[in-house]
Amino acid sequence: MPVSTLRIWEQRYQAIGPTTSASGHRLYSAADLERVVLLRQLTQAGHAIGTLASLNMAQLQGLALACPPAMAQATPVSQALSTPLRIVVVGQGMALRLKRAAVLRRWARYPDVVAVFASLTDAAQAGINTGHAPVDMLVWQTTGLHGDAAAELTAAQAAWQPRKLAITYRFASTHALDALPDTDMAVIQEPTDDAVLGAWLYELAREPAQSMGEAPTGQCTPPFDANHHDAMGLSSTPIPPRRFDDAALTAFAGLSTRITCECPKHLAELLIQIASFEAYSADCRHRNAADAALHGYLQRVAGTARALFEAALQRVATEEGLPLT
């Protein structure tokens, strides 16, 4: 089940109470897991988590015994999966990934991608200007998630009225995740593995419509002396612009190759991550004056690494005879 659902059940409803390690990770006991399994079974059968949260284990077990097993499989959401799911996608790279067989492996009917947009602003504007029925899901792929995205996200939701909102990010701060609107959404750091992404979206589509919450992540670090750490002379080395955008890299990663270890695919996926971190660091640099030196340094490190990996990818593509534009 999505991590974000567990967070909401714990923080909003106090339905579970895991302990916390010294490092901040939640620790679930066997009793916690048993309770979560029962809560999930009962919510899938139609019970509201707000009603179940205060019940003890004996009461939950009594409800579970009274609930026919078939009920958990006959929810309106799982029935809806027998017809194509209507999806709006924000992010060209995600739109390409949603066409891959590994992502769609579990779906009885392939999702119907209603529209693809480059930004939330474009999605909101198109949704306002075009008459349409509410969609089943809005999938937003973002390189870096920042706190000011909440207004654009709310506008896009209002325009398309999705039953579920799926957000995949590559880099984000805790503050940005906390600033997301409190609505039916699931948030995940974008998996590089297509099968993992497909499983996550499929399970999200099957989840009853309820607030999913957000997953925690790290945040930017404190003051830093960039000159002291400039061991590679990055401050005087010009960083070339990107040679390949996310769409080209995503398409390249999906090509067949003679190399059994799939190095071309791994290189392309790694380049997407490095370029995303480069862009994220550049954004942080302009948002926080106190950390500008650190983020400027990180941006240049990522840019240097990106240029090296682009050259490596070009060589692999040439030797393999693979198209790379």
Protein backbone atom coordinates (compact mmCIF):
# COMPACT_ATOMS: atom_id res chain seq x y z
CA MET A 1 0.00 0.00 0.00
CA PRO A 2 1.23 3.56 -0.58
CA VAL A 3 3.44 4.98 2.15
CA SER A 4 1.37 8.15 2.01
CA THR A 5 -1.75 6.24 3.09
CA LEU A 6 0.05 4.98 6.19
CA ARG A 7 1.10 8.54 7.04
CA ILE A 8 -2.48 9.83 6.82
CA TRP A 9 -3.84 6.94 8.88
CA GLU A 10 -1.25 7.68 11.54
CA GLN A 11 -1.16 11.49 11.58
CA ARG A 12 -4.75 12.45 10.80
CA TYR A 13 -6.73 9.55 12.23
CA GLN A 14 -4.32 8.09 14.83
CA ALA A 15 -5.39 4.67 13.54
CA ILE A 16 -1.87 3.27 14.07
CA GLY A 17 1.01 4.33 16.30
CA PRO A 18 4.43 3.02 15.24
CA THR A 19 7.48 3.90 17.29
CA THR A 20 10.27 6.04 15.87
CA SER A 21 13.97 5.21 15.73
CA ALA A 22 16.72 7.66 16.69
CA SER A 23 17.24 8.40 12.99
CA GLY A 24 13.55 9.27 12.50
CA HIS A 25 12.39 6.10 10.73
CA ARG A 26 9.07 4.55 11.74
CA LEU A 27 9.26 1.07 13.27
CA TYR A 28 6.21 -1.19 12.86
CA SER A 29 5.69 -4.12 15.20
CA ALA A 30 3.94 -7.37 14.30
CA ALA A 31 0.83 -6.03 16.07
CA ASP A 32 1.01 -2.84 13.99
CA LEU A 33 1.19 -4.88 10.78
CA GLU A 34 -1.77 -7.02 11.80
CA ARG A 35 -3.81 -3.89 12.50
CA VAL A 36 -2.83 -2.32 9.16
CA VAL A 37 -3.86 -5.47 7.27
CA LEU A 38 -7.28 -5.41 8.94
CA LEU A 39 -7.73 -1.69 8.30
CA ARG A 40 -6.85 -2.13 4.65
CA GLN A 41 -9.22 -5.07 4.25
CA LEU A 42 -12.08 -3.15 5.83
CA THR A 43 -11.51 0.11 3.94
CA GLN A 44 -11.44 -1.83 0.66
CA ALA A 45 -14.75 -3.36 1.70
CA GLY A 46 -16.29 0.10 2.02
CA HIS A 47 -15.73 1.12 5.66
CA ALA A 48 -14.43 4.65 6.30
CA ILE A 49 -11.02 4.92 7.98
CA GLY A 50 -12.43 7.65 10.25
CA THR A 51 -14.93 5.15 11.64
CA LEU A 52 -12.38 2.34 12.03
CA ALA A 53 -9.56 4.38 13.58
CA SER A 54 -10.79 4.27 17.17
CA LEU A 55 -11.72 0.56 17.19
CA ASN A 56 -9.54 -1.97 19.04
CA MET A 57 -8.27 -5.19 17.48
CA ALA A 58 -11.15 -7.31 18.75
CA GLN A 59 -13.68 -4.94 17.21
CA LEU A 60 -11.79 -4.82 13.90
CA GLN A 61 -11.55 -8.61 13.79
CA GLY A 62 -15.30 -8.85 14.44
CA LEU A 63 -16.00 -6.54 11.52
CA ALA A 64 -13.62 -8.52 9.29
CA LEU A 65 -15.38 -11.81 10.13
CA ALA A 66 -18.74 -10.23 9.30
CA CYS A 67 -17.42 -8.95 5.96
CA PRO A 68 -17.67 -11.51 3.11
CA PRO A 69 -14.31 -11.90 1.32
CA ALA A 70 -15.93 -11.07 -2.02
CA MET A 71 -16.74 -7.57 -0.77
CA ALA A 72 -13.08 -6.58 -0.74
CA GLN A 73 -12.83 -7.43 -4.42
CA ALA A 74 -16.05 -5.74 -5.53
CA THR A 75 -15.25 -2.10 -4.76
CA PRO A 76 -16.32 0.51 -7.30
CA VAL A 77 -12.64 1.30 -7.94
CA SER A 78 -11.64 -2.25 -8.93
CA GLN A 79 -14.75 -2.49 -11.08
CA ALA A 80 -13.67 0.71 -12.82
CA LEU A 81 -10.41 -0.96 -13.89
CA SER A 82 -12.40 -3.17 -16.26
CA THR A 83 -12.85 -0.04 -18.39
CA PRO A 84 -9.98 2.20 -19.54
CA LEU A 85 -8.80 4.62 -16.88
CA ARG A 86 -8.94 8.22 -18.14
CA ILE A 87 -5.64 9.94 -17.31
CA VAL A 88 -4.26 13.44 -17.79
CA VAL A 89 -0.45 13.53 -17.75
CA VAL A 90 1.77 16.51 -16.92
CA GLY A 91 5.30 15.66 -18.06
CA GLN A 92 6.45 14.44 -21.47
CA GLY A 93 8.76 11.82 -19.98
CA MET A 94 5.94 10.30 -17.93
CA ALA A 95 3.71 10.19 -21.00
CA LEU A 96 6.34 8.10 -22.77
CA ARG A 97 6.76 5.78 -19.78
CA LEU A 98 3.01 5.15 -19.64
CA LYS A 99 3.24 3.53 -23.08
CA ARG A 100 5.76 0.89 -22.01
CA ALA A 101 4.73 -2.73 -21.59
CA ALA A 102 6.37 -3.05 -18.15
CA VAL A 103 4.30 -0.15 -16.81
CA LEU A 104 1.06 -1.54 -18.24
CA ARG A 105 1.67 -5.19 -17.35
CA ARG A 106 -1.08 -5.38 -14.70
CA TRP A 107 -3.76 -3.46 -16.56
CA ALA A 108 -6.60 -5.44 -18.13
CA ARG A 109 -7.40 -2.36 -20.25
CA TYR A 110 -4.68 0.15 -21.07
CA PRO A 111 -5.32 3.64 -19.64
CA ASP A 112 -6.76 6.26 -21.95
CA VAL A 113 -4.36 9.23 -21.87
CA VAL A 114 -6.78 12.10 -22.43
CA ALA A 115 -4.12 14.81 -22.72
CA VAL A 116 -0.42 15.47 -22.11
CA PHE A 117 0.94 18.83 -20.92
CA ALA A 118 4.37 20.27 -20.27
CA SER A 119 3.32 22.12 -17.11
CA LEU A 120 0.55 22.34 -14.52
CA THR A 121 -0.25 25.84 -15.78
CA ASP A 122 -0.84 24.48 -19.30
CA ALA A 123 -3.00 21.69 -17.89
CA ALA A 124 -5.12 24.07 -15.83
CA GLN A 125 -5.65 26.45 -18.74
CA ALA A 126 -6.61 23.66 -21.15
CA GLY A 127 -8.97 22.14 -18.63
CA ILE A 128 -10.76 25.46 -18.18
CA ASN A 129 -11.06 26.08 -21.91
CA THR A 130 -12.19 22.57 -22.87
CA GLY A 131 -15.49 21.05 -21.86
CA HIS A 132 -14.83 17.57 -20.46
CA ALA A 133 -16.00 15.04 -17.93
CA PRO A 134 -13.94 14.56 -14.73
CA VAL A 135 -10.95 12.25 -15.28
CA ASP A 136 -9.93 9.28 -13.16
CA MET A 137 -6.36 10.39 -12.51
CA LEU A 138 -4.00 13.30 -13.01
CA VAL A 139 -0.35 12.22 -13.09
CA TRP A 140 2.20 14.99 -12.52
CA GLN A 141 5.89 14.29 -13.11
CA THR A 142 8.18 16.99 -11.73
CA THR A 143 11.96 17.31 -11.63
CA GLY A 144 12.05 19.37 -8.44
CA LEU A 145 9.14 19.90 -6.07
CA HIS A 146 8.97 23.29 -4.33
CA GLY A 147 6.50 24.86 -1.92
CA ASP A 148 5.03 27.29 -4.45
CA ALA A 149 3.65 24.44 -6.59
CA ALA A 150 0.55 24.12 -4.40
CA ALA A 151 -1.41 26.89 -6.17
CA GLU A 152 -0.71 25.49 -9.67
CA LEU A 153 -1.57 22.00 -8.48
CA THR A 154 -4.88 23.16 -7.00
CA ALA A 155 -5.74 24.97 -10.26
CA ALA A 156 -5.03 21.88 -12.36
CA GLN A 157 -7.14 19.73 -10.04
CA ALA A 158 -10.02 22.17 -10.21
CA ALA A 159 -9.86 22.20 -14.01
CA TRP A 160 -9.79 18.42 -14.51
CA GLN A 161 -11.45 17.16 -11.28
CA PRO A 162 -9.45 13.92 -11.08
CA ARG A 163 -10.58 11.20 -8.71
CA LYS A 164 -6.92 10.59 -7.85
CA LEU A 165 -3.78 12.69 -8.12
CA ALA A 166 -0.41 10.95 -8.56
CA ILE A 167 2.76 13.02 -8.09
CA THR A 168 6.21 11.69 -8.95
CA TYR A 169 9.22 13.84 -8.12
CA ARG A 170 12.96 13.41 -8.42
CA PHE A 171 14.03 15.88 -5.74
CA ALA A 172 12.02 17.67 -3.06
CA SER A 173 12.27 19.18 0.40
CA THR A 174 10.14 18.30 3.42
CA HIS A 175 8.76 21.84 3.34
CA ALA A 176 7.60 21.40 -0.25
CA LEU A 177 5.87 18.11 0.54
CA ASP A 178 4.18 19.60 3.60
CA ALA A 179 2.89 22.48 1.46
CA LEU A 180 0.97 20.19 -0.90
CA PRO A 181 -2.82 20.63 -0.71
CA ASP A 182 -4.68 18.22 1.55
CA THR A 183 -6.56 16.19 -1.05
CA ASP A 184 -6.80 12.77 -2.72
CA MET A 185 -3.19 12.34 -3.79
CA ALA A 186 -0.27 9.98 -3.59
CA VAL A 187 3.33 11.20 -3.77
CA ILE A 188 6.42 9.16 -4.56
CA GLN A 189 10.03 9.75 -5.54
CA GLU A 190 9.91 8.65 -9.17
CA PRO A 191 10.99 5.00 -9.54
CA THR A 192 13.45 4.32 -12.34
CA ASP A 193 12.06 0.80 -12.74
CA ASP A 194 9.02 0.73 -15.04
CA ALA A 195 7.47 -2.26 -13.30
CA VAL A 196 7.61 -0.48 -9.93
CA LEU A 197 6.03 2.64 -11.42
CA GLY A 198 3.29 0.58 -13.07
CA ALA A 199 2.52 -1.32 -9.86
CA TRP A 200 2.31 1.93 -7.89
CA LEU A 201 -0.10 3.55 -10.34
CA TYR A 202 -2.20 0.39 -10.57
CA GLU A 203 -2.56 0.11 -6.79
CA LEU A 204 -3.33 3.82 -6.56
CA ALA A 205 -6.11 3.39 -9.13
CA ARG A 206 -7.58 0.57 -7.02
CA GLU A 207 -7.45 2.55 -3.76
CA PRO A 208 -10.78 3.96 -2.52
CA ALA A 209 -10.94 7.73 -3.00
CA GLN A 210 -9.60 9.20 0.24
CA SER A 211 -6.81 11.55 1.18
CA MET A 212 -3.51 9.80 0.57
CA GLY A 213 -1.09 12.34 2.05
CA GLU A 214 2.57 12.64 1.22
CA ALA A 215 5.81 10.78 1.78
CA PRO A 216 8.70 12.32 3.73
CA THR A 217 12.06 13.12 2.26
CA GLY A 218 15.21 15.11 3.00
CA GLN A 219 15.89 18.81 2.59
CA CYS A 220 18.69 21.19 1.69
CA THR A 221 21.77 21.58 3.90
CA PRO A 222 23.13 24.67 5.77
CA PRO A 223 25.83 27.31 4.95
CA PHE A 224 28.76 26.18 2.92
CA ASP A 225 32.06 27.52 1.56
CA ALA A 226 32.04 26.67 -2.17
CA ASN A 227 35.64 27.82 -2.76
CA HIS A 228 36.92 25.48 -0.07
CA HIS A 229 35.27 22.50 -1.81
CA ASP A 230 36.20 23.44 -5.38
CA ALA A 231 38.84 20.73 -5.67
CA MET A 232 38.11 20.14 -9.38
CA GLY A 233 38.32 23.80 -10.38
CA LEU A 234 34.61 23.85 -11.27
CA SER A 235 34.29 27.58 -10.67
CA SER A 236 36.39 28.31 -13.78
CA THR A 237 35.14 25.46 -16.01
CA PRO A 238 32.23 26.32 -18.33
CA ILE A 239 29.37 23.82 -18.07
CA PRO A 240 27.85 22.94 -21.47
CA PRO A 241 24.05 22.96 -21.87
CA ARG A 242 22.09 19.70 -21.94
CA ARG A 243 22.47 17.68 -25.13
CA PHE A 244 19.45 15.44 -24.54
CA ASP A 245 16.14 16.33 -22.88
CA ASP A 246 14.08 13.99 -20.69
CA ALA A 247 11.84 12.90 -23.56
CA ALA A 248 14.82 11.84 -25.71
CA LEU A 249 16.45 10.01 -22.79
CA THR A 250 13.22 8.25 -21.83
CA ALA A 251 12.73 7.11 -25.43
CA PHE A 252 16.34 5.93 -25.63
CA ALA A 253 16.01 3.96 -22.37
CA GLY A 254 13.17 1.99 -23.92
CA LEU A 255 15.12 0.84 -26.99
CA SER A 256 16.23 -2.76 -27.40
CA THR A 257 19.98 -3.37 -27.18
CA ARG A 258 22.46 -6.19 -27.72
CA ILE A 259 24.05 -5.46 -24.34
CA THR A 260 22.53 -7.92 -21.87
CA CYS A 261 23.43 -5.79 -18.84
CA GLU A 262 21.22 -2.98 -20.26
CA CYS A 263 23.92 -0.32 -19.78
CA PRO A 264 22.37 2.02 -22.40
CA LYS A 265 19.11 2.01 -20.43
CA HIS A 266 20.89 2.55 -17.10
CA LEU A 267 22.98 5.39 -18.54
CA ALA A 268 19.90 7.18 -19.86
CA GLU A 269 18.04 6.80 -16.56
CA LEU A 270 21.07 8.01 -14.61
CA LEU A 271 21.38 11.04 -16.90
CA ILE A 272 17.76 11.96 -16.21
CA GLN A 273 18.46 11.88 -12.47
CA ILE A 274 21.67 13.94 -12.75
CA ALA A 275 20.05 16.55 -14.99
CA SER A 276 17.10 16.74 -12.62
CA PHE A 277 19.40 17.36 -9.66
CA GLU A 278 21.28 20.00 -11.66
CA ALA A 279 18.02 21.84 -12.37
CA TYR A 280 16.83 21.38 -8.79
CA SER A 281 20.07 22.84 -7.40
CA ALA A 282 19.82 25.81 -9.78
CA ASP A 283 16.27 26.45 -8.56
CA CYS A 284 17.32 26.21 -4.91
CA ARG A 285 20.18 28.61 -5.62
CA HIS A 286 17.74 31.36 -6.62
CA ARG A 287 15.24 30.64 -3.88
CA ASN A 288 17.51 30.76 -0.85
CA ALA A 289 20.23 33.41 -0.64
CA ALA A 290 21.75 31.81 2.46
CA ASP A 291 22.45 28.58 0.60
CA ALA A 292 23.24 30.11 -2.81
CA ALA A 293 26.96 29.21 -2.67
CA LEU A 294 26.27 25.59 -1.80
CA HIS A 295 23.60 25.14 -4.44
CA GLY A 296 25.74 26.89 -7.04
CA TYR A 297 28.52 24.42 -6.29
CA LEU A 298 26.15 21.44 -6.45
CA GLN A 299 24.72 22.72 -9.72
CA ARG A 300 28.19 22.85 -11.28
CA VAL A 301 29.14 19.40 -9.95
CA ALA A 302 25.95 17.93 -11.40
CA GLY A 303 26.47 19.76 -14.70
CA THR A 304 30.02 18.46 -15.00
CA ALA A 305 28.89 14.91 -14.27
CA ARG A 306 26.01 15.28 -16.70
CA ALA A 307 28.32 16.36 -19.52
CA LEU A 308 30.60 13.34 -18.90
CA PHE A 309 27.68 10.91 -18.89
CA GLU A 310 26.25 12.49 -22.04
CA ALA A 311 29.54 11.79 -23.81
CA ALA A 312 29.45 8.22 -22.51
CA LEU A 313 25.86 7.77 -23.71
CA GLN A 314 26.76 9.12 -27.14
CA ARG A 315 29.60 6.60 -27.43
CA VAL A 316 27.35 3.70 -26.39
CA ALA A 317 24.67 4.79 -28.87
CA THR A 318 27.23 5.04 -31.69
CA GLU A 319 28.75 1.62 -31.01
CA GLU A 320 25.34 -0.01 -30.63
CA GLY A 321 23.89 1.75 -33.67
CA LEU A 322 21.05 3.16 -31.59
CA PRO A 323 19.28 6.43 -32.51
CA LEU A 324 19.89 9.29 -30.07
CA THR A 325 18.50 12.72 -30.85
